[in-house]
Structures are given as structure tokens and as C-alpha cells.
Amino acid sequence: MTEDPQARRASRRHARRAHRGFSGIGRSRGGGRRGQGRGRGRRAAARIALVLGVLGFAASVFGLAVQLLPRQFTAVQQSQIEAWQVAGRWQTIPAGKIFPASVPYQLAATVLEDTTPLNLDALRVSIAPQQSDCAESVTSAAAGAVLGREGCEAVLRATYVDSTRSYVMTVGVAVLPTAAAAATADTGLARPLLAAARDADGSAHLAAGVKVVRFSGMAGALYDYNRQISASFSYGPYVVMYAAGYSDSRPRVPVSQDSYAYGEMTSMARGVAQSVAATLGTRPAPPHCPGAPGC
């Protein structure tokens, strides 16, 4: 049987079409795999960029917070700032606050031979002019030299009386550059060789210290006195000195033999001196930065 030529040609055309169709399918699949690979790469790059962006934002926020939050001082810096604040108080606090008009003190129950202490007040008479020559405000040139060797800058003084005006006292503050210098100066003032006088019976020395503030006219008759007790102590960069005596200007007597007079005189003098010391030398609150940028 002879094959029809037209049918043979149609069969060949069909075969060629089918072959082209299979070839197209293969090419289409290969191109899809390459497109998928490129898509995954773009997604990975986007994720990396996102992570880097978040990290950069976090770093920026942290840096801004560091600038805006209060500055944190080290322990050494805190100590230095506190010492600087205390050392400058004698210049920044008004004299009327360093030496207040009235200072409460307590007379011990043992002095009264009672069970309850007695609350009293010392009254300020006057505040002496500030003395930059420290030797002029202490009992001797030798005492002044002790203060001078440690860098004394000035001496502040004030006079007080008790409420009955039976006793008079002087409180003095020697300003030193550091607490260590003040402690050394105070030790020097306590040396027996600097003692200015003895008790009437010659048995005890009166320690060197603050010089009595002298008054003229009627005030002199009321407030000039002879030192019966004298002492000092250091508090921060200050040497706080005090002396007290009778308001009637009686000469030096063995006051320690009169337990009541000695107790009230000492209580008043120490009470005023401790009040002044607390005002000048008490440790301040820990320093802090208000938080402004660049603080």
C-alpha cells in the first residue's frame, strides 16, 4: 500500500511542533530556577540591611541617652567635689549663719546633780572682722607659726555669752587648705610648749588657741575676760578653737575646782564650737550632674 505523500508531510510537521514544545518547556523550567536563586539573594540582602539598620538605630539611641542622662562621678571625683564644696563654705556662707544669733547647748545632768539635763542658749554678742593674718587671732606668735606652716588662709571669730551673762566665750575658725593640714595644725596647737598660762595654783597649762576679742567702752566692761578654759579641734579643713571665762573679768582661777562653773562654761563653749563646725565642715550630699548635655 502506497503512503499518501500529504499525510507523510503532515506527520512530519506535527513531530517538529511537538519537539519544539518539549524544548520550550525545558528552557522555561531552567529560567525559573535561576529566577528563584536571584529572589533568595535579594531577600537575604534585605534582611542583612534591616539588621544593620536596627543596630545603627540602637547605637544612636544609646549615644543620645548617654548625653542626656546625669553624669556618673567616680568615687575619687565625688570625694574631690565634696572636699572642694566644704573648703569654700567659709566664703560662701554668710557670717550670720556661721555664727548664728543664738546657739542651743545642754548642761549635763551630772553637773546639776540631777537626772535631767538643762537646755540653755548662748547669745551672740558680736562677729569680729575676718583676719587674714592668722597669727593676729591666736594667743601667741608661736601658735600663729603653727597655723602658718600649714597654710592658714584666715581666722574668723565671734563672741558669745550665756543667757545670764555670767560667762563669755570666743569661738574662732582657722581656715586651712585641706583636712590633713587642719589636723596637723590642731596637733601643733596642743603642744605643751605653746601653752600661754597656768592655773592659779600652777598645776595646769592653758592650751594655745583663739585670742579673746577685745571691746572698747562699755562693751569692754561687759565682755572682756580672762581665759579660764581653752581648747581646739579639727573638722574638715578647719581648726575650730574656743576659749571662755567669767564676764566680770576676774583673773585666772582654778575653775576646774568649781564643778558647776566649769561644767557650764565648758558646755557653752563646746556647744557653740560644735555648731560652727557642723555648719562649715559637715559632709555635703553626694554630687550629681543635672543631666544637661555636656554636663
C-alpha atoms as a PDB file:
ATOM      1  CA  MET A   1       0.000   0.000   0.000  1.00  0.00           C
ATOM      2  CA  THR A   2       1.475   3.298  -1.027  1.00  0.00           C
ATOM      3  CA  GLU A   3       1.674   6.080   1.736  1.00  0.00           C
ATOM      4  CA  ASP A   4      -0.051   9.293   0.892  1.00  0.00           C
ATOM      5  CA  PRO A   5       2.661  11.990   0.468  1.00  0.00           C
ATOM      6  CA  GLN A   6       0.444  14.703   2.011  1.00  0.00           C
ATOM      7  CA  ALA A   7      -0.175  12.621   5.117  1.00  0.00           C
ATOM      8  CA  ARG A   8       3.557  11.979   5.454  1.00  0.00           C
ATOM      9  CA  ARG A   9       4.279  15.730   5.321  1.00  0.00           C
ATOM     10  CA  ALA A  10       1.587  16.479   7.918  1.00  0.00           C
ATOM     11  CA  SER A  11       3.024  13.852  10.234  1.00  0.00           C
ATOM     12  CA  ARG A  12       6.480  15.419   9.997  1.00  0.00           C
ATOM     13  CA  ARG A  13       5.130  18.885  10.744  1.00  0.00           C
ATOM     14  CA  HIS A  14       3.345  17.554  13.854  1.00  0.00           C
ATOM     15  CA  ALA A  15       6.517  15.878  15.080  1.00  0.00           C
ATOM     16  CA  ARG A  16       8.517  19.076  14.673  1.00  0.00           C
ATOM     17  CA  ARG A  17       5.917  21.064  16.622  1.00  0.00           C
ATOM     18  CA  ALA A  18       5.956  18.529  19.439  1.00  0.00           C
ATOM     19  CA  HIS A  19       9.771  18.648  19.617  1.00  0.00           C
ATOM     20  CA  ARG A  20       9.734  22.442  19.841  1.00  0.00           C
ATOM     21  CA  GLY A  21       7.124  22.220  22.572  1.00  0.00           C
ATOM     22  CA  PHE A  22       9.260  19.915  24.731  1.00  0.00           C
ATOM     23  CA  SER A  23      12.319  22.114  24.186  1.00  0.00           C
ATOM     24  CA  GLY A  24      10.396  25.241  25.309  1.00  0.00           C
ATOM     25  CA  ILE A  25       9.237  23.531  28.450  1.00  0.00           C
ATOM     26  CA  GLY A  26      12.836  22.677  29.414  1.00  0.00           C
ATOM     27  CA  ARG A  27      14.012  26.179  28.832  1.00  0.00           C
ATOM     28  CA  SER A  28      11.153  27.599  30.876  1.00  0.00           C
ATOM     29  CA  ARG A  29      11.987  25.409  33.888  1.00  0.00           C
ATOM     30  CA  GLY A  30      15.680  26.324  33.822  1.00  0.00           C
ATOM     31  CA  GLY A  31      14.873  30.020  33.731  1.00  0.00           C
ATOM     32  CA  GLY A  32      12.544  29.594  36.734  1.00  0.00           C
ATOM     33  CA  ARG A  33      15.300  28.062  38.836  1.00  0.00           C
ATOM     34  CA  ARG A  34      17.631  30.934  38.027  1.00  0.00           C
ATOM     35  CA  GLY A  35      14.900  33.477  38.955  1.00  0.00           C
ATOM     36  CA  GLN A  36      14.285  31.767  42.284  1.00  0.00           C
ATOM     37  CA  GLY A  37      18.003  31.947  43.143  1.00  0.00           C
ATOM     38  CA  ARG A  38      18.094  35.669  42.420  1.00  0.00           C
ATOM     39  CA  GLY A  39      14.986  36.202  44.632  1.00  0.00           C
ATOM     40  CA  ARG A  40      16.521  34.428  47.582  1.00  0.00           C
ATOM     41  CA  GLY A  41      19.682  36.564  47.303  1.00  0.00           C
ATOM     42  CA  ARG A  42      17.670  39.764  47.296  1.00  0.00           C
ATOM     43  CA  ARG A  43      15.723  38.675  50.398  1.00  0.00           C
ATOM     44  CA  ALA A  44      18.945  37.796  52.267  1.00  0.00           C
ATOM     45  CA  ALA A  45      20.456  41.163  51.393  1.00  0.00           C
ATOM     46  CA  ALA A  46      17.281  42.903  52.610  1.00  0.00           C
ATOM     47  CA  ARG A  47      17.430  41.040  55.918  1.00  0.00           C
ATOM     48  CA  ILE A  48      21.103  41.991  56.452  1.00  0.00           C
ATOM     49  CA  ALA A  49      20.331  45.627  55.661  1.00  0.00           C
ATOM     50  CA  LEU A  50      17.435  45.565  58.145  1.00  0.00           C
ATOM     51  CA  VAL A  51      19.606  44.088  60.914  1.00  0.00           C
ATOM     52  CA  LEU A  52      22.349  46.647  60.301  1.00  0.00           C
ATOM     53  CA  GLY A  53      19.793  49.437  60.339  1.00  0.00           C
ATOM     54  CA  VAL A  54      18.346  48.288  63.677  1.00  0.00           C
ATOM     55  CA  LEU A  55      21.829  48.035  65.204  1.00  0.00           C
ATOM     56  CA  GLY A  56      22.711  51.512  63.984  1.00  0.00           C
ATOM     57  CA  PHE A  57      19.486  52.933  65.404  1.00  0.00           C
ATOM     58  CA  ALA A  58      20.128  51.254  68.748  1.00  0.00           C
ATOM     59  CA  ALA A  59      23.661  52.673  68.866  1.00  0.00           C
ATOM     60  CA  SER A  60      22.309  56.164  68.115  1.00  0.00           C
ATOM     61  CA  VAL A  61      19.692  55.901  70.874  1.00  0.00           C
ATOM     62  CA  PHE A  62      22.319  54.721  73.372  1.00  0.00           C
ATOM     63  CA  GLY A  63      24.631  57.584  72.481  1.00  0.00           C
ATOM     64  CA  LEU A  64      21.814  60.093  72.907  1.00  0.00           C
ATOM     65  CA  ALA A  65      20.858  58.583  76.262  1.00  0.00           C
ATOM     66  CA  VAL A  66      24.446  58.868  77.491  1.00  0.00           C
ATOM     67  CA  GLN A  67      24.397  62.547  76.580  1.00  0.00           C
ATOM     68  CA  LEU A  68      21.059  63.276  78.237  1.00  0.00           C
ATOM     69  CA  LEU A  69      21.258  61.155  81.392  1.00  0.00           C
ATOM     70  CA  PRO A  70      23.015  62.584  84.523  1.00  0.00           C
ATOM     71  CA  ARG A  71      26.766  62.167  84.544  1.00  0.00           C
ATOM     72  CA  GLN A  72      28.103  59.480  86.880  1.00  0.00           C
ATOM     73  CA  PHE A  73      31.098  60.560  89.005  1.00  0.00           C
ATOM     74  CA  THR A  74      33.702  58.109  90.228  1.00  0.00           C
ATOM     75  CA  ALA A  75      34.314  57.723  93.957  1.00  0.00           C
ATOM     76  CA  VAL A  76      37.511  59.775  93.677  1.00  0.00           C
ATOM     77  CA  GLN A  77      35.718  62.539  91.775  1.00  0.00           C
ATOM     78  CA  GLN A  78      32.905  62.595  94.348  1.00  0.00           C
ATOM     79  CA  SER A  79      35.413  62.943  97.181  1.00  0.00           C
ATOM     80  CA  GLN A  80      37.218  65.774  95.399  1.00  0.00           C
ATOM     81  CA  ILE A  81      33.994  67.665  94.690  1.00  0.00           C
ATOM     82  CA  GLU A  82      32.778  67.270  98.286  1.00  0.00           C
ATOM     83  CA  ALA A  83      36.125  68.480  99.673  1.00  0.00           C
ATOM     84  CA  TRP A  84      36.009  71.492  97.349  1.00  0.00           C
ATOM     85  CA  GLN A  85      32.485  72.356  98.486  1.00  0.00           C
ATOM     86  CA  VAL A  86      33.393  72.135 102.189  1.00  0.00           C
ATOM     87  CA  ALA A  87      36.604  74.122 101.740  1.00  0.00           C
ATOM     88  CA  GLY A  88      34.736  77.048 100.197  1.00  0.00           C
ATOM     89  CA  ARG A  89      31.927  77.366 102.726  1.00  0.00           C
ATOM     90  CA  TRP A  90      33.693  79.951 104.886  1.00  0.00           C
ATOM     91  CA  GLN A  91      33.489  82.302 101.875  1.00  0.00           C
ATOM     92  CA  THR A  92      30.019  81.400 100.584  1.00  0.00           C
ATOM     93  CA  ILE A  93      28.015  81.121 103.832  1.00  0.00           C
ATOM     94  CA  PRO A  94      27.099  84.478 105.407  1.00  0.00           C
ATOM     95  CA  ALA A  95      28.844  85.233 108.694  1.00  0.00           C
ATOM     96  CA  GLY A  96      25.488  85.413 110.452  1.00  0.00           C
ATOM     97  CA  LYS A  97      24.812  81.780 109.580  1.00  0.00           C
ATOM     98  CA  ILE A  98      28.294  80.567 110.525  1.00  0.00           C
ATOM     99  CA  PHE A  99      27.857  82.376 113.851  1.00  0.00           C
ATOM    100  CA  PRO A 100      24.079  82.370 114.490  1.00  0.00           C
ATOM    101  CA  ALA A 101      22.462  84.817 116.896  1.00  0.00           C
ATOM    102  CA  SER A 102      21.523  82.021 119.290  1.00  0.00           C
ATOM    103  CA  VAL A 103      23.042  78.567 119.767  1.00  0.00           C
ATOM    104  CA  PRO A 104      21.376  75.916 121.932  1.00  0.00           C
ATOM    105  CA  TYR A 105      23.503  73.778 124.221  1.00  0.00           C
ATOM    106  CA  GLN A 106      22.870  71.386 127.067  1.00  0.00           C
ATOM    107  CA  LEU A 107      24.166  71.372 130.612  1.00  0.00           C
ATOM    108  CA  ALA A 108      24.679  67.776 131.677  1.00  0.00           C
ATOM    109  CA  ALA A 109      22.582  66.312 134.450  1.00  0.00           C
ATOM    110  CA  THR A 110      25.729  65.334 136.351  1.00  0.00           C
ATOM    111  CA  VAL A 111      26.752  68.993 136.589  1.00  0.00           C
ATOM    112  CA  LEU A 112      23.352  69.825 138.028  1.00  0.00           C
ATOM    113  CA  GLU A 113      23.412  66.773 140.284  1.00  0.00           C
ATOM    114  CA  ASP A 114      20.051  65.912 138.778  1.00  0.00           C
ATOM    115  CA  THR A 115      18.591  63.265 136.470  1.00  0.00           C
ATOM    116  CA  THR A 116      17.626  65.595 133.634  1.00  0.00           C
ATOM    117  CA  PRO A 117      19.945  67.833 131.589  1.00  0.00           C
ATOM    118  CA  LEU A 118      19.173  71.529 131.253  1.00  0.00           C
ATOM    119  CA  ASN A 119      18.682  73.129 127.808  1.00  0.00           C
ATOM    120  CA  LEU A 120      20.259  76.576 127.530  1.00  0.00           C
ATOM    121  CA  ASP A 121      21.152  79.110 124.843  1.00  0.00           C
ATOM    122  CA  ALA A 122      24.317  81.027 124.100  1.00  0.00           C
ATOM    123  CA  LEU A 123      23.714  84.513 122.708  1.00  0.00           C
ATOM    124  CA  ARG A 124      25.954  86.154 120.156  1.00  0.00           C
ATOM    125  CA  VAL A 125      27.478  89.489 121.155  1.00  0.00           C
ATOM    126  CA  SER A 126      29.432  90.316 118.011  1.00  0.00           C
ATOM    127  CA  ILE A 127      31.306  88.970 115.000  1.00  0.00           C
ATOM    128  CA  ALA A 128      34.884  90.166 114.659  1.00  0.00           C
ATOM    129  CA  PRO A 129      36.287  91.290 111.296  1.00  0.00           C
ATOM    130  CA  GLN A 130      37.889  88.490 109.289  1.00  0.00           C
ATOM    131  CA  GLN A 131      41.637  88.311 109.932  1.00  0.00           C
ATOM    132  CA  SER A 132      43.854  87.191 107.040  1.00  0.00           C
ATOM    133  CA  ASP A 133      46.957  87.304 109.248  1.00  0.00           C
ATOM    134  CA  CYS A 134      46.203  84.188 111.261  1.00  0.00           C
ATOM    135  CA  ALA A 135      48.855  84.962 113.885  1.00  0.00           C
ATOM    136  CA  GLU A 136      46.913  88.082 114.895  1.00  0.00           C
ATOM    137  CA  SER A 137      43.932  85.991 116.025  1.00  0.00           C
ATOM    138  CA  VAL A 138      45.680  83.420 118.210  1.00  0.00           C
ATOM    139  CA  THR A 139      47.351  83.590 121.588  1.00  0.00           C
ATOM    140  CA  SER A 140      50.996  83.803 120.508  1.00  0.00           C
ATOM    141  CA  ALA A 141      53.362  84.145 117.571  1.00  0.00           C
ATOM    142  CA  ALA A 142      54.343  80.506 118.048  1.00  0.00           C
ATOM    143  CA  ALA A 143      50.704  79.439 117.685  1.00  0.00           C
ATOM    144  CA  GLY A 144      50.452  81.659 114.615  1.00  0.00           C
ATOM    145  CA  ALA A 145      53.533  79.981 113.161  1.00  0.00           C
ATOM    146  CA  VAL A 146      51.904  76.569 113.598  1.00  0.00           C
ATOM    147  CA  LEU A 147      48.914  77.720 111.571  1.00  0.00           C
ATOM    148  CA  GLY A 148      51.111  79.495 109.047  1.00  0.00           C
ATOM    149  CA  ARG A 149      53.199  76.411 108.310  1.00  0.00           C
ATOM    150  CA  GLU A 150      50.050  74.539 107.334  1.00  0.00           C
ATOM    151  CA  GLY A 151      48.816  77.280 105.017  1.00  0.00           C
ATOM    152  CA  CYS A 152      46.264  79.115 107.180  1.00  0.00           C
ATOM    153  CA  GLU A 153      44.237  81.472 104.973  1.00  0.00           C
ATOM    154  CA  ALA A 154      42.154  83.360 107.549  1.00  0.00           C
ATOM    155  CA  VAL A 155      40.650  83.254 111.039  1.00  0.00           C
ATOM    156  CA  LEU A 156      37.001  84.009 111.746  1.00  0.00           C
ATOM    157  CA  ARG A 157      35.911  84.884 115.285  1.00  0.00           C
ATOM    158  CA  ALA A 158      32.773  85.691 117.267  1.00  0.00           C
ATOM    159  CA  THR A 159      31.895  86.349 120.913  1.00  0.00           C
ATOM    160  CA  TYR A 160      29.015  84.740 122.835  1.00  0.00           C
ATOM    161  CA  VAL A 161      27.600  84.959 126.369  1.00  0.00           C
ATOM    162  CA  ASP A 162      25.303  82.641 128.290  1.00  0.00           C
ATOM    163  CA  SER A 163      21.714  83.738 128.948  1.00  0.00           C
ATOM    164  CA  THR A 164      22.602  85.078 132.407  1.00  0.00           C
ATOM    165  CA  ARG A 165      25.673  86.873 131.015  1.00  0.00           C
ATOM    166  CA  SER A 166      27.811  85.223 133.668  1.00  0.00           C
ATOM    167  CA  TYR A 167      30.195  83.636 131.168  1.00  0.00           C
ATOM    168  CA  VAL A 168      31.773  84.907 127.972  1.00  0.00           C
ATOM    169  CA  MET A 169      33.405  82.896 125.226  1.00  0.00           C
ATOM    170  CA  THR A 170      35.195  83.367 121.926  1.00  0.00           C
ATOM    171  CA  VAL A 171      34.931  80.884 119.080  1.00  0.00           C
ATOM    172  CA  GLY A 172      37.465  81.025 116.266  1.00  0.00           C
ATOM    173  CA  VAL A 173      37.829  79.178 112.981  1.00  0.00           C
ATOM    174  CA  ALA A 174      41.205  78.871 111.281  1.00  0.00           C
ATOM    175  CA  VAL A 175      40.799  78.096 107.585  1.00  0.00           C
ATOM    176  CA  LEU A 176      43.308  75.540 106.272  1.00  0.00           C
ATOM    177  CA  PRO A 177      43.662  74.217 102.695  1.00  0.00           C
ATOM    178  CA  THR A 178      42.936  70.559 103.495  1.00  0.00           C
ATOM    179  CA  ALA A 179      41.631  68.343 106.275  1.00  0.00           C
ATOM    180  CA  ALA A 180      45.108  66.867 106.716  1.00  0.00           C
ATOM    181  CA  ALA A 181      46.610  70.335 107.174  1.00  0.00           C
ATOM    182  CA  ALA A 182      43.936  71.194 109.730  1.00  0.00           C
ATOM    183  CA  ALA A 183      44.597  68.029 111.726  1.00  0.00           C
ATOM    184  CA  THR A 184      48.338  68.726 111.769  1.00  0.00           C
ATOM    185  CA  ALA A 185      47.794  72.333 112.859  1.00  0.00           C
ATOM    186  CA  ASP A 186      45.446  71.281 115.655  1.00  0.00           C
ATOM    187  CA  THR A 187      48.015  68.796 116.928  1.00  0.00           C
ATOM    188  CA  GLY A 188      50.603  71.562 116.915  1.00  0.00           C
ATOM    189  CA  LEU A 189      48.411  73.920 118.931  1.00  0.00           C
ATOM    190  CA  ALA A 190      48.031  71.272 121.644  1.00  0.00           C
ATOM    191  CA  ARG A 191      51.782  71.067 122.257  1.00  0.00           C
ATOM    192  CA  PRO A 192      52.625  71.986 125.888  1.00  0.00           C
ATOM    193  CA  LEU A 193      55.352  74.389 124.782  1.00  0.00           C
ATOM    194  CA  LEU A 194      52.691  76.645 123.257  1.00  0.00           C
ATOM    195  CA  ALA A 195      50.645  76.892 126.454  1.00  0.00           C
ATOM    196  CA  ALA A 196      50.025  80.516 127.273  1.00  0.00           C
ATOM    197  CA  ALA A 197      49.448  80.377 131.010  1.00  0.00           C
ATOM    198  CA  ARG A 198      48.982  78.170 134.031  1.00  0.00           C
ATOM    199  CA  ASP A 199      46.180  77.756 136.504  1.00  0.00           C
ATOM    200  CA  ALA A 200      46.398  79.948 139.550  1.00  0.00           C
ATOM    201  CA  ASP A 201      47.904  77.099 141.518  1.00  0.00           C
ATOM    202  CA  GLY A 202      50.474  76.488 138.758  1.00  0.00           C
ATOM    203  CA  SER A 203      49.350  72.924 138.168  1.00  0.00           C
ATOM    204  CA  ALA A 204      47.921  73.001 134.655  1.00  0.00           C
ATOM    205  CA  HIS A 205      48.675  74.669 131.357  1.00  0.00           C
ATOM    206  CA  LEU A 206      46.110  76.578 129.338  1.00  0.00           C
ATOM    207  CA  ALA A 207      46.344  75.422 125.733  1.00  0.00           C
ATOM    208  CA  ALA A 208      47.203  77.823 122.947  1.00  0.00           C
ATOM    209  CA  GLY A 209      44.302  78.837 120.757  1.00  0.00           C
ATOM    210  CA  VAL A 210      41.977  81.661 119.820  1.00  0.00           C
ATOM    211  CA  LYS A 211      42.674  85.150 121.114  1.00  0.00           C
ATOM    212  CA  VAL A 212      39.938  86.938 123.057  1.00  0.00           C
ATOM    213  CA  VAL A 213      38.131  89.608 121.025  1.00  0.00           C
ATOM    214  CA  ARG A 214      38.600  92.873 122.893  1.00  0.00           C
ATOM    215  CA  PHE A 215      35.914  95.542 123.118  1.00  0.00           C
ATOM    216  CA  SER A 216      36.121  99.220 123.898  1.00  0.00           C
ATOM    217  CA  GLY A 217      33.949 101.439 126.082  1.00  0.00           C
ATOM    218  CA  MET A 218      31.010  99.967 127.939  1.00  0.00           C
ATOM    219  CA  ALA A 219      31.172  96.748 125.925  1.00  0.00           C
ATOM    220  CA  GLY A 220      34.703  96.207 127.194  1.00  0.00           C
ATOM    221  CA  ALA A 221      33.484  96.269 130.765  1.00  0.00           C
ATOM    222  CA  LEU A 222      30.840  93.693 129.931  1.00  0.00           C
ATOM    223  CA  TYR A 223      32.613  91.290 127.606  1.00  0.00           C
ATOM    224  CA  ASP A 224      36.356  91.458 128.152  1.00  0.00           C
ATOM    225  CA  TYR A 225      37.507  88.412 130.081  1.00  0.00           C
ATOM    226  CA  ASN A 226      40.483  86.329 131.047  1.00  0.00           C
ATOM    227  CA  ARG A 227      40.593  82.888 129.528  1.00  0.00           C
ATOM    228  CA  GLN A 228      39.755  80.176 132.026  1.00  0.00           C
ATOM    229  CA  ILE A 229      39.460  77.298 129.549  1.00  0.00           C
ATOM    230  CA  SER A 230      40.833  76.860 126.051  1.00  0.00           C
ATOM    231  CA  ALA A 231      40.696  74.029 123.503  1.00  0.00           C
ATOM    232  CA  SER A 232      40.545  73.275 119.788  1.00  0.00           C
ATOM    233  CA  PHE A 233      39.693  70.505 117.357  1.00  0.00           C
ATOM    234  CA  SER A 234      39.847  69.993 113.610  1.00  0.00           C
ATOM    235  CA  TYR A 235      36.792  69.402 111.445  1.00  0.00           C
ATOM    236  CA  GLY A 236      37.392  69.019 107.752  1.00  0.00           C
ATOM    237  CA  PRO A 237      39.757  71.770 106.569  1.00  0.00           C
ATOM    238  CA  TYR A 238      39.018  73.906 109.643  1.00  0.00           C
ATOM    239  CA  VAL A 239      40.571  74.214 113.095  1.00  0.00           C
ATOM    240  CA  VAL A 240      37.799  75.269 115.464  1.00  0.00           C
ATOM    241  CA  MET A 241      39.127  76.960 118.610  1.00  0.00           C
ATOM    242  CA  TYR A 242      37.305  78.202 121.679  1.00  0.00           C
ATOM    243  CA  ALA A 243      38.044  79.941 124.951  1.00  0.00           C
ATOM    244  CA  ALA A 244      35.785  81.011 127.791  1.00  0.00           C
ATOM    245  CA  GLY A 245      35.896  82.879 131.076  1.00  0.00           C
ATOM    246  CA  TYR A 246      33.906  84.909 133.576  1.00  0.00           C
ATOM    247  CA  SER A 247      32.206  88.082 132.407  1.00  0.00           C
ATOM    248  CA  ASP A 248      33.390  90.013 135.461  1.00  0.00           C
ATOM    249  CA  SER A 249      36.995  89.937 134.194  1.00  0.00           C
ATOM    250  CA  ARG A 250      38.225  88.062 137.216  1.00  0.00           C
ATOM    251  CA  PRO A 251      41.818  86.844 136.881  1.00  0.00           C
ATOM    252  CA  ARG A 252      42.767  83.332 136.051  1.00  0.00           C
ATOM    253  CA  VAL A 253      41.497  80.960 138.747  1.00  0.00           C
ATOM    254  CA  PRO A 254      41.445  77.163 139.145  1.00  0.00           C
ATOM    255  CA  VAL A 255      37.986  76.988 137.572  1.00  0.00           C
ATOM    256  CA  SER A 256      38.078  73.196 137.378  1.00  0.00           C
ATOM    257  CA  GLN A 257      37.643  73.144 141.159  1.00  0.00           C
ATOM    258  CA  ASP A 258      34.199  74.731 140.758  1.00  0.00           C
ATOM    259  CA  SER A 259      32.346  71.880 139.062  1.00  0.00           C
ATOM    260  CA  TYR A 260      29.241  73.916 138.176  1.00  0.00           C
ATOM    261  CA  ALA A 261      31.091  76.911 136.723  1.00  0.00           C
ATOM    262  CA  TYR A 262      33.497  74.641 134.860  1.00  0.00           C
ATOM    263  CA  GLY A 263      30.640  72.474 133.561  1.00  0.00           C
ATOM    264  CA  GLU A 264      28.523  75.363 132.286  1.00  0.00           C
ATOM    265  CA  MET A 265      31.480  77.240 130.835  1.00  0.00           C
ATOM    266  CA  THR A 266      32.703  74.144 129.027  1.00  0.00           C
ATOM    267  CA  SER A 267      29.225  73.139 127.848  1.00  0.00           C
ATOM    268  CA  MET A 268      28.566  76.550 126.360  1.00  0.00           C
ATOM    269  CA  ALA A 269      31.951  76.801 124.670  1.00  0.00           C
ATOM    270  CA  ARG A 270      31.825  73.297 123.204  1.00  0.00           C
ATOM    271  CA  GLY A 271      28.202  73.689 122.135  1.00  0.00           C
ATOM    272  CA  VAL A 272      28.913  76.860 120.169  1.00  0.00           C
ATOM    273  CA  ALA A 273      32.128  75.461 118.689  1.00  0.00           C
ATOM    274  CA  GLN A 274      30.416  72.262 117.554  1.00  0.00           C
ATOM    275  CA  SER A 275      27.581  74.248 115.979  1.00  0.00           C
ATOM    276  CA  VAL A 276      30.047  76.335 113.983  1.00  0.00           C
ATOM    277  CA  ALA A 277      31.996  73.231 112.962  1.00  0.00           C
ATOM    278  CA  ALA A 278      28.847  71.486 111.732  1.00  0.00           C
ATOM    279  CA  THR A 279      27.854  74.496 109.627  1.00  0.00           C
ATOM    280  CA  LEU A 280      31.231  74.638 107.913  1.00  0.00           C
ATOM    281  CA  GLY A 281      32.504  71.083 107.850  1.00  0.00           C
ATOM    282  CA  THR A 282      29.588  68.668 107.572  1.00  0.00           C
ATOM    283  CA  ARG A 283      29.918  66.419 104.540  1.00  0.00           C
ATOM    284  CA  PRO A 284      27.592  67.545 101.717  1.00  0.00           C
ATOM    285  CA  ALA A 285      25.156  65.369  99.799  1.00  0.00           C
ATOM    286  CA  PRO A 286      26.770  63.263  97.035  1.00  0.00           C
ATOM    287  CA  PRO A 287      27.292  65.462  93.969  1.00  0.00           C
ATOM    288  CA  HIS A 288      25.246  64.840  90.826  1.00  0.00           C
ATOM    289  CA  CYS A 289      25.044  66.332  87.382  1.00  0.00           C
ATOM    290  CA  PRO A 290      21.674  67.921  86.467  1.00  0.00           C
ATOM    291  CA  GLY A 291      21.643  65.957  83.220  1.00  0.00           C
ATOM    292  CA  ALA A 292      22.044  68.647  80.590  1.00  0.00           C
ATOM    293  CA  PRO A 293      24.086  67.639  77.515  1.00  0.00           C
ATOM    294  CA  GLY A 294      27.783  68.244  78.104  1.00  0.00           C
ATOM    295  CA  CYS A 295      27.383  68.470  81.876  1.00  0.00           C
END
